[in-house]
N, C-alpha and C. Protein backbone atom coordinates (compact mmCIF):
# COMPACT_ATOMS: atom_id res chain seq x y z
N UNK A 1 -11.25 -22.88 -25.58
CA UNK A 1 -12.54 -22.99 -24.92
C UNK A 1 -12.37 -23.36 -23.44
N UNK A 2 -11.43 -24.26 -23.16
CA UNK A 2 -11.22 -24.71 -21.79
C UNK A 2 -10.75 -23.56 -20.90
N UNK A 3 -9.85 -22.71 -21.41
CA UNK A 3 -9.36 -21.57 -20.64
C UNK A 3 -10.50 -20.62 -20.31
N UNK A 4 -11.38 -20.38 -21.27
CA UNK A 4 -12.53 -19.50 -21.04
C UNK A 4 -13.41 -20.05 -19.93
N UNK A 5 -13.66 -21.34 -19.96
CA UNK A 5 -14.49 -21.97 -18.93
C UNK A 5 -13.83 -21.84 -17.56
N UNK A 6 -12.54 -22.09 -17.49
CA UNK A 6 -11.81 -21.94 -16.22
C UNK A 6 -11.88 -20.51 -15.70
N UNK A 7 -11.71 -19.56 -16.61
CA UNK A 7 -11.76 -18.15 -16.23
C UNK A 7 -13.13 -17.78 -15.67
N UNK A 8 -14.19 -18.21 -16.33
CA UNK A 8 -15.54 -17.90 -15.85
C UNK A 8 -15.80 -18.56 -14.49
N UNK A 9 -15.28 -19.76 -14.29
CA UNK A 9 -15.43 -20.41 -12.99
C UNK A 9 -14.72 -19.63 -11.89
N UNK A 10 -13.52 -19.12 -12.18
CA UNK A 10 -12.77 -18.32 -11.19
C UNK A 10 -13.51 -17.03 -10.88
N UNK A 11 -14.07 -16.39 -11.91
CA UNK A 11 -14.82 -15.15 -11.69
C UNK A 11 -16.04 -15.43 -10.82
N UNK A 12 -16.75 -16.52 -11.07
CA UNK A 12 -17.92 -16.87 -10.28
C UNK A 12 -17.51 -17.12 -8.82
N UNK A 13 -16.41 -17.84 -8.60
CA UNK A 13 -15.92 -18.09 -7.24
C UNK A 13 -15.59 -16.78 -6.54
N UNK A 14 -14.97 -15.86 -7.27
CA UNK A 14 -14.60 -14.57 -6.69
C UNK A 14 -15.84 -13.78 -6.30
N UNK A 15 -16.85 -13.77 -7.16
CA UNK A 15 -18.08 -13.03 -6.87
C UNK A 15 -18.81 -13.61 -5.67
N UNK A 16 -18.69 -14.92 -5.48
CA UNK A 16 -19.39 -15.57 -4.38
C UNK A 16 -18.61 -15.53 -3.06
N UNK A 17 -17.36 -15.15 -3.10
CA UNK A 17 -16.53 -15.12 -1.89
C UNK A 17 -17.07 -14.09 -0.90
N UNK A 18 -17.22 -14.52 0.33
CA UNK A 18 -17.72 -13.60 1.37
C UNK A 18 -16.63 -12.65 1.85
N UNK A 19 -15.41 -13.18 2.03
CA UNK A 19 -14.29 -12.38 2.50
C UNK A 19 -13.13 -12.55 1.52
N UNK A 20 -12.46 -11.46 1.24
CA UNK A 20 -11.28 -11.52 0.37
C UNK A 20 -10.14 -10.73 1.00
N UNK A 21 -8.94 -10.99 0.54
CA UNK A 21 -7.75 -10.26 0.97
C UNK A 21 -7.20 -9.53 -0.23
N UNK A 22 -6.72 -8.33 -0.02
CA UNK A 22 -6.24 -7.49 -1.11
C UNK A 22 -4.76 -7.18 -0.90
N UNK A 23 -3.95 -7.45 -1.91
CA UNK A 23 -2.50 -7.26 -1.82
C UNK A 23 -2.02 -6.28 -2.87
N UNK A 24 -1.12 -5.38 -2.47
CA UNK A 24 -0.52 -4.40 -3.37
C UNK A 24 0.96 -4.73 -3.53
N UNK A 25 1.39 -4.84 -4.76
CA UNK A 25 2.77 -5.27 -5.04
C UNK A 25 3.78 -4.17 -4.76
N UNK A 26 5.00 -4.60 -4.60
CA UNK A 26 6.11 -3.67 -4.53
C UNK A 26 6.50 -3.30 -5.95
N UNK A 27 6.50 -2.02 -6.24
CA UNK A 27 6.77 -1.64 -7.63
C UNK A 27 7.51 -0.32 -7.74
N UNK A 28 8.18 0.08 -6.67
CA UNK A 28 9.01 1.28 -6.73
C UNK A 28 8.26 2.51 -7.19
N UNK A 29 8.82 3.15 -8.22
CA UNK A 29 8.23 4.39 -8.70
C UNK A 29 6.88 4.18 -9.38
N UNK A 30 6.53 2.95 -9.68
CA UNK A 30 5.22 2.67 -10.24
C UNK A 30 4.17 2.55 -9.14
N UNK A 31 4.54 2.88 -7.92
CA UNK A 31 3.61 2.85 -6.81
C UNK A 31 2.41 3.74 -7.03
N UNK A 32 2.55 4.75 -7.89
CA UNK A 32 1.42 5.63 -8.21
C UNK A 32 0.27 4.81 -8.79
N UNK A 33 0.60 3.76 -9.52
CA UNK A 33 -0.44 2.87 -10.06
C UNK A 33 -1.26 2.26 -8.92
N UNK A 34 -0.58 1.79 -7.87
CA UNK A 34 -1.28 1.20 -6.72
C UNK A 34 -2.18 2.22 -6.04
N UNK A 35 -1.71 3.46 -5.93
CA UNK A 35 -2.54 4.51 -5.33
C UNK A 35 -3.80 4.72 -6.17
N UNK A 36 -3.64 4.77 -7.49
CA UNK A 36 -4.79 4.95 -8.38
C UNK A 36 -5.74 3.77 -8.32
N UNK A 37 -5.20 2.57 -8.26
CA UNK A 37 -6.04 1.37 -8.17
C UNK A 37 -6.85 1.39 -6.87
N UNK A 38 -6.20 1.75 -5.77
CA UNK A 38 -6.90 1.82 -4.48
C UNK A 38 -8.00 2.87 -4.52
N UNK A 39 -7.70 4.02 -5.10
CA UNK A 39 -8.70 5.09 -5.21
C UNK A 39 -9.92 4.58 -5.98
N UNK A 40 -9.69 3.92 -7.11
CA UNK A 40 -10.80 3.40 -7.91
C UNK A 40 -11.60 2.34 -7.15
N UNK A 41 -10.90 1.47 -6.44
CA UNK A 41 -11.60 0.44 -5.67
C UNK A 41 -12.51 1.06 -4.62
N UNK A 42 -12.03 2.07 -3.92
CA UNK A 42 -12.83 2.67 -2.85
C UNK A 42 -13.93 3.58 -3.37
N UNK A 43 -13.77 4.12 -4.56
CA UNK A 43 -14.81 5.01 -5.09
C UNK A 43 -15.80 4.29 -6.01
N UNK A 44 -15.34 3.25 -6.70
CA UNK A 44 -16.18 2.60 -7.70
C UNK A 44 -16.60 1.18 -7.35
N UNK A 45 -16.00 0.57 -6.36
CA UNK A 45 -16.27 -0.84 -6.06
C UNK A 45 -16.58 -1.05 -4.58
N UNK A 46 -17.58 -0.36 -4.10
CA UNK A 46 -17.93 -0.46 -2.67
C UNK A 46 -18.27 -1.90 -2.27
N UNK A 47 -18.93 -2.64 -3.16
CA UNK A 47 -19.27 -4.03 -2.85
C UNK A 47 -18.02 -4.87 -2.64
N UNK A 48 -17.04 -4.69 -3.47
CA UNK A 48 -15.79 -5.43 -3.34
C UNK A 48 -15.06 -5.04 -2.06
N UNK A 49 -14.90 -3.76 -1.83
CA UNK A 49 -14.16 -3.28 -0.65
C UNK A 49 -14.83 -3.71 0.64
N UNK A 50 -16.15 -3.77 0.65
CA UNK A 50 -16.85 -4.18 1.87
C UNK A 50 -16.54 -5.63 2.25
N UNK A 51 -16.03 -6.42 1.31
CA UNK A 51 -15.70 -7.82 1.59
C UNK A 51 -14.22 -8.03 1.92
N UNK A 52 -13.42 -6.97 1.87
CA UNK A 52 -11.99 -7.13 2.14
C UNK A 52 -11.77 -7.31 3.64
N UNK A 53 -11.11 -8.39 3.98
CA UNK A 53 -10.83 -8.73 5.37
C UNK A 53 -9.46 -8.24 5.80
N UNK A 54 -8.48 -8.33 4.88
CA UNK A 54 -7.10 -7.95 5.18
C UNK A 54 -6.48 -7.26 3.98
N UNK A 55 -5.53 -6.36 4.28
CA UNK A 55 -4.75 -5.68 3.25
C UNK A 55 -3.29 -6.06 3.46
N UNK A 56 -2.56 -6.20 2.36
CA UNK A 56 -1.14 -6.47 2.47
C UNK A 56 -0.40 -5.75 1.36
N UNK A 57 0.91 -5.60 1.57
CA UNK A 57 1.71 -4.95 0.55
C UNK A 57 3.18 -5.09 0.83
N UNK A 58 3.94 -4.87 -0.23
CA UNK A 58 5.40 -4.86 -0.15
C UNK A 58 5.88 -3.55 -0.72
N UNK A 59 6.91 -2.99 -0.11
CA UNK A 59 7.54 -1.76 -0.61
C UNK A 59 6.49 -0.67 -0.80
N UNK A 60 6.42 -0.07 -1.98
CA UNK A 60 5.44 1.00 -2.21
C UNK A 60 4.01 0.50 -1.99
N UNK A 61 3.77 -0.76 -2.28
CA UNK A 61 2.44 -1.33 -2.07
C UNK A 61 2.04 -1.37 -0.61
N UNK A 62 3.01 -1.44 0.30
CA UNK A 62 2.68 -1.46 1.72
C UNK A 62 2.15 -0.10 2.18
N UNK A 63 2.61 0.97 1.55
CA UNK A 63 2.08 2.30 1.88
C UNK A 63 0.60 2.38 1.52
N UNK A 64 0.27 1.87 0.34
CA UNK A 64 -1.12 1.88 -0.12
C UNK A 64 -1.97 0.97 0.77
N UNK A 65 -1.45 -0.20 1.10
CA UNK A 65 -2.19 -1.12 1.96
C UNK A 65 -2.47 -0.48 3.33
N UNK A 66 -1.50 0.24 3.87
CA UNK A 66 -1.69 0.90 5.17
C UNK A 66 -2.78 1.96 5.08
N UNK A 67 -2.78 2.74 4.01
CA UNK A 67 -3.84 3.74 3.85
C UNK A 67 -5.20 3.07 3.74
N UNK A 68 -5.27 1.99 2.97
CA UNK A 68 -6.54 1.28 2.81
C UNK A 68 -7.05 0.73 4.14
N UNK A 69 -6.15 0.20 4.94
CA UNK A 69 -6.53 -0.42 6.21
C UNK A 69 -6.90 0.61 7.27
N UNK A 70 -6.23 1.77 7.26
CA UNK A 70 -6.38 2.73 8.35
C UNK A 70 -7.16 4.00 7.98
N UNK A 71 -6.89 4.57 6.83
CA UNK A 71 -7.51 5.85 6.48
C UNK A 71 -7.87 5.90 4.99
N UNK A 72 -8.79 5.05 4.55
CA UNK A 72 -9.12 5.04 3.13
C UNK A 72 -9.72 6.36 2.63
N UNK A 73 -10.29 7.12 3.54
CA UNK A 73 -10.86 8.41 3.14
C UNK A 73 -9.78 9.42 2.75
N UNK A 74 -8.53 9.12 3.02
CA UNK A 74 -7.43 10.04 2.70
C UNK A 74 -6.64 9.63 1.46
N UNK A 75 -7.10 8.63 0.73
CA UNK A 75 -6.34 8.16 -0.43
C UNK A 75 -6.20 9.26 -1.47
N UNK A 76 -7.27 10.03 -1.71
CA UNK A 76 -7.16 11.10 -2.72
C UNK A 76 -6.15 12.16 -2.29
N UNK A 77 -6.10 12.48 -1.01
CA UNK A 77 -5.10 13.44 -0.51
C UNK A 77 -3.69 12.86 -0.61
N UNK A 78 -3.57 11.56 -0.40
CA UNK A 78 -2.26 10.91 -0.52
C UNK A 78 -1.78 10.95 -1.97
N UNK A 79 -2.70 10.84 -2.90
CA UNK A 79 -2.33 10.94 -4.32
C UNK A 79 -1.79 12.34 -4.61
N UNK A 80 -2.42 13.36 -4.05
CA UNK A 80 -1.92 14.73 -4.21
C UNK A 80 -0.51 14.87 -3.62
N UNK A 81 -0.29 14.25 -2.47
CA UNK A 81 1.05 14.29 -1.86
C UNK A 81 2.06 13.58 -2.75
N UNK A 82 1.63 12.50 -3.38
CA UNK A 82 2.50 11.78 -4.31
C UNK A 82 2.90 12.67 -5.49
N UNK A 83 1.94 13.43 -6.00
CA UNK A 83 2.25 14.39 -7.07
C UNK A 83 3.26 15.42 -6.57
N UNK A 84 3.10 15.86 -5.34
CA UNK A 84 4.02 16.83 -4.75
C UNK A 84 5.44 16.26 -4.68
N UNK A 85 5.55 15.00 -4.28
CA UNK A 85 6.87 14.35 -4.23
C UNK A 85 7.44 14.24 -5.64
N UNK A 86 6.59 13.92 -6.60
CA UNK A 86 7.04 13.85 -7.99
C UNK A 86 7.57 15.18 -8.48
N UNK A 87 6.87 16.27 -8.14
CA UNK A 87 7.34 17.61 -8.51
C UNK A 87 8.69 17.92 -7.86
N UNK A 88 8.81 17.52 -6.59
CA UNK A 88 10.07 17.73 -5.86
C UNK A 88 11.22 17.00 -6.55
N UNK A 89 11.01 15.74 -6.89
CA UNK A 89 12.04 14.93 -7.55
C UNK A 89 12.38 15.52 -8.91
N UNK A 90 11.35 15.95 -9.64
CA UNK A 90 11.56 16.52 -10.98
C UNK A 90 12.39 17.80 -10.93
N UNK A 91 12.28 18.54 -9.84
CA UNK A 91 13.01 19.81 -9.73
C UNK A 91 14.49 19.63 -9.39
N UNK A 92 14.87 18.44 -8.97
CA UNK A 92 16.27 18.18 -8.60
C UNK A 92 17.13 17.97 -9.84
N UNK A 93 18.40 18.38 -9.78
CA UNK A 93 19.27 18.30 -10.96
C UNK A 93 19.40 16.88 -11.54
N UNK A 94 19.47 15.88 -10.67
CA UNK A 94 19.58 14.49 -11.14
C UNK A 94 18.38 13.65 -10.71
N UNK A 95 17.26 14.33 -10.48
CA UNK A 95 16.06 13.61 -10.06
C UNK A 95 16.29 12.88 -8.75
N UNK A 96 15.75 11.68 -8.65
CA UNK A 96 15.88 10.89 -7.43
C UNK A 96 17.31 10.44 -7.16
N UNK A 97 18.17 10.57 -8.17
CA UNK A 97 19.57 10.16 -8.01
C UNK A 97 20.47 11.31 -7.54
N UNK A 98 19.88 12.45 -7.24
CA UNK A 98 20.65 13.59 -6.76
C UNK A 98 21.31 13.25 -5.42
N UNK A 99 22.63 13.44 -5.31
CA UNK A 99 23.33 13.15 -4.05
C UNK A 99 22.70 13.92 -2.89
N UNK A 100 22.48 13.22 -1.79
CA UNK A 100 21.91 13.85 -0.60
C UNK A 100 20.39 13.83 -0.57
N UNK A 101 19.75 13.42 -1.66
CA UNK A 101 18.29 13.34 -1.66
C UNK A 101 17.87 11.91 -1.34
N UNK A 102 16.99 11.78 -0.39
CA UNK A 102 16.49 10.47 0.01
C UNK A 102 14.97 10.50 -0.07
N UNK A 103 14.42 9.76 -1.02
CA UNK A 103 12.98 9.78 -1.22
C UNK A 103 12.25 9.28 0.02
N UNK A 104 12.87 8.41 0.80
CA UNK A 104 12.23 7.90 2.02
C UNK A 104 11.95 9.04 3.00
N UNK A 105 12.81 10.06 3.03
CA UNK A 105 12.56 11.20 3.92
C UNK A 105 11.33 11.98 3.46
N UNK A 106 11.17 12.14 2.15
CA UNK A 106 9.98 12.82 1.63
C UNK A 106 8.72 12.01 1.93
N UNK A 107 8.81 10.71 1.74
CA UNK A 107 7.65 9.86 2.04
C UNK A 107 7.28 9.94 3.51
N UNK A 108 8.28 9.90 4.38
CA UNK A 108 8.03 9.98 5.82
C UNK A 108 7.36 11.30 6.18
N UNK A 109 7.84 12.38 5.60
CA UNK A 109 7.27 13.70 5.87
C UNK A 109 5.78 13.73 5.52
N UNK A 110 5.40 13.08 4.44
CA UNK A 110 4.00 13.08 4.02
C UNK A 110 3.18 12.02 4.75
N UNK A 111 3.77 10.87 5.04
CA UNK A 111 3.03 9.79 5.71
C UNK A 111 2.49 10.22 7.06
N UNK A 112 3.25 11.04 7.75
CA UNK A 112 2.82 11.49 9.07
C UNK A 112 1.44 12.15 8.99
N UNK A 113 1.15 12.79 7.86
CA UNK A 113 -0.15 13.46 7.69
C UNK A 113 -1.30 12.49 7.45
N UNK A 114 -1.00 11.27 7.06
CA UNK A 114 -2.06 10.36 6.66
C UNK A 114 -2.29 9.19 7.60
N UNK A 115 -1.30 8.83 8.38
CA UNK A 115 -1.48 7.71 9.29
C UNK A 115 -1.91 8.21 10.67
N UNK A 116 -2.93 7.59 11.25
CA UNK A 116 -3.42 8.05 12.55
C UNK A 116 -2.46 7.68 13.68
N UNK A 117 -2.59 8.38 14.79
CA UNK A 117 -1.78 8.04 15.97
C UNK A 117 -2.08 6.62 16.44
N UNK A 118 -3.36 6.28 16.44
CA UNK A 118 -3.78 4.96 16.91
C UNK A 118 -3.78 3.99 15.72
N UNK A 119 -2.82 3.09 15.71
CA UNK A 119 -2.75 2.12 14.61
C UNK A 119 -3.29 0.75 15.04
N UNK A 120 -3.96 0.69 16.18
CA UNK A 120 -4.48 -0.60 16.65
C UNK A 120 -5.47 -1.24 15.67
N UNK A 121 -6.25 -0.48 14.89
CA UNK A 121 -7.12 -1.15 13.91
C UNK A 121 -6.35 -1.94 12.85
N UNK A 122 -5.07 -1.67 12.70
CA UNK A 122 -4.26 -2.39 11.71
C UNK A 122 -3.79 -3.75 12.20
N UNK A 123 -3.91 -4.00 13.50
CA UNK A 123 -3.43 -5.28 14.05
C UNK A 123 -4.15 -6.44 13.37
N UNK A 124 -3.40 -7.33 12.78
CA UNK A 124 -3.92 -8.52 12.10
C UNK A 124 -4.85 -8.21 10.93
N UNK A 125 -4.88 -6.96 10.51
CA UNK A 125 -5.64 -6.57 9.32
C UNK A 125 -4.70 -6.07 8.22
N UNK A 126 -3.55 -5.54 8.62
CA UNK A 126 -2.55 -5.04 7.68
C UNK A 126 -1.31 -5.93 7.78
N UNK A 127 -0.85 -6.40 6.65
CA UNK A 127 0.33 -7.25 6.59
C UNK A 127 1.36 -6.58 5.70
N UNK A 128 2.52 -6.28 6.28
CA UNK A 128 3.60 -5.60 5.56
C UNK A 128 4.72 -6.61 5.31
N UNK A 129 5.08 -6.76 4.06
CA UNK A 129 6.13 -7.70 3.68
C UNK A 129 7.48 -7.00 3.71
N UNK A 130 8.41 -7.56 4.46
CA UNK A 130 9.78 -7.03 4.51
C UNK A 130 10.75 -8.19 4.34
N UNK A 131 11.94 -7.87 3.87
CA UNK A 131 12.97 -8.89 3.69
C UNK A 131 14.09 -8.64 4.68
N UNK A 132 14.36 -9.64 5.51
CA UNK A 132 15.48 -9.56 6.44
C UNK A 132 16.75 -9.95 5.69
N UNK A 133 17.86 -9.34 6.09
CA UNK A 133 19.11 -9.58 5.38
C UNK A 133 19.94 -10.73 5.92
N UNK A 134 19.86 -10.98 7.22
CA UNK A 134 20.73 -12.01 7.77
C UNK A 134 19.96 -12.90 8.73
N UNK A 135 19.54 -14.06 8.40
CA UNK A 135 19.62 -14.66 7.06
C UNK A 135 18.56 -14.05 6.16
N UNK A 136 18.77 -14.14 4.87
CA UNK A 136 17.84 -13.56 3.91
C UNK A 136 16.55 -14.37 3.91
N UNK A 137 15.47 -13.73 4.35
CA UNK A 137 14.15 -14.35 4.29
C UNK A 137 13.08 -13.27 4.37
N UNK A 138 11.92 -13.63 3.87
CA UNK A 138 10.79 -12.71 3.86
C UNK A 138 9.97 -12.89 5.13
N UNK A 139 9.51 -11.76 5.67
CA UNK A 139 8.70 -11.78 6.89
C UNK A 139 7.47 -10.91 6.65
N UNK A 140 6.32 -11.38 7.12
CA UNK A 140 5.10 -10.58 7.10
C UNK A 140 4.87 -10.04 8.50
N UNK A 141 4.80 -8.73 8.61
CA UNK A 141 4.58 -8.09 9.91
C UNK A 141 3.12 -7.66 9.98
N UNK A 142 2.43 -8.09 11.03
CA UNK A 142 1.02 -7.74 11.15
C UNK A 142 0.64 -7.21 12.53
N UNK A 143 1.63 -6.99 13.38
CA UNK A 143 1.41 -6.37 14.68
C UNK A 143 2.38 -5.21 14.82
N UNK A 144 1.84 -4.07 15.20
CA UNK A 144 2.62 -2.84 15.26
C UNK A 144 2.47 -2.23 16.65
N UNK A 145 3.61 -1.93 17.28
CA UNK A 145 3.60 -1.38 18.64
C UNK A 145 2.93 0.00 18.68
N UNK A 146 3.24 0.83 17.68
CA UNK A 146 2.70 2.18 17.61
C UNK A 146 2.89 2.70 16.18
N UNK A 147 2.53 3.95 15.96
CA UNK A 147 2.62 4.54 14.62
C UNK A 147 4.06 4.56 14.12
N UNK A 148 5.01 4.86 15.00
CA UNK A 148 6.42 4.89 14.58
C UNK A 148 6.89 3.51 14.12
N UNK A 149 6.47 2.48 14.83
CA UNK A 149 6.83 1.12 14.43
C UNK A 149 6.26 0.81 13.05
N UNK A 150 5.01 1.18 12.82
CA UNK A 150 4.39 0.96 11.51
C UNK A 150 5.13 1.72 10.42
N UNK A 151 5.44 3.00 10.67
CA UNK A 151 6.14 3.80 9.65
C UNK A 151 7.52 3.22 9.35
N UNK A 152 8.21 2.75 10.37
CA UNK A 152 9.52 2.11 10.14
C UNK A 152 9.38 0.89 9.24
N UNK A 153 8.36 0.08 9.49
CA UNK A 153 8.14 -1.11 8.68
C UNK A 153 7.77 -0.75 7.24
N UNK A 154 7.01 0.31 7.07
CA UNK A 154 6.59 0.73 5.73
C UNK A 154 7.77 1.25 4.92
N UNK A 155 8.76 1.81 5.58
CA UNK A 155 9.89 2.40 4.87
C UNK A 155 11.06 1.44 4.67
N UNK A 156 10.93 0.20 5.13
CA UNK A 156 12.02 -0.77 4.96
C UNK A 156 12.19 -1.13 3.50
């Protein structure tokens, strides 16, 4: 009974929140789930999306967060591109493990079609999580010099 009461209190707090932040996890090949979740949020939950102040993500989730922050109207087209990448990987003899195949190159080829030249609206609205190697620590990047800088951060 206590857990139910706590859950209902959290739901009430969430419904009353004026501004919220939305984060997409890093999940590798399960990134398609994040694309689908974003599509549903933008098509079925306009009230929720209108309250989102910031988007964030790690790995595959950062791609979805960038689309949400900059070009949410292109999410359905990005899903089609994701299917295209899936078909490409499926056609390879060893799938994504085929020597000489780099999925990041395919992602880059498609991302160019979805990210605008002007990424200034993403400043302090989009947070990309990356891990530095030396020393090992996590960094959130929220300022981007230009589209190339953003794409480099998304592909880390």
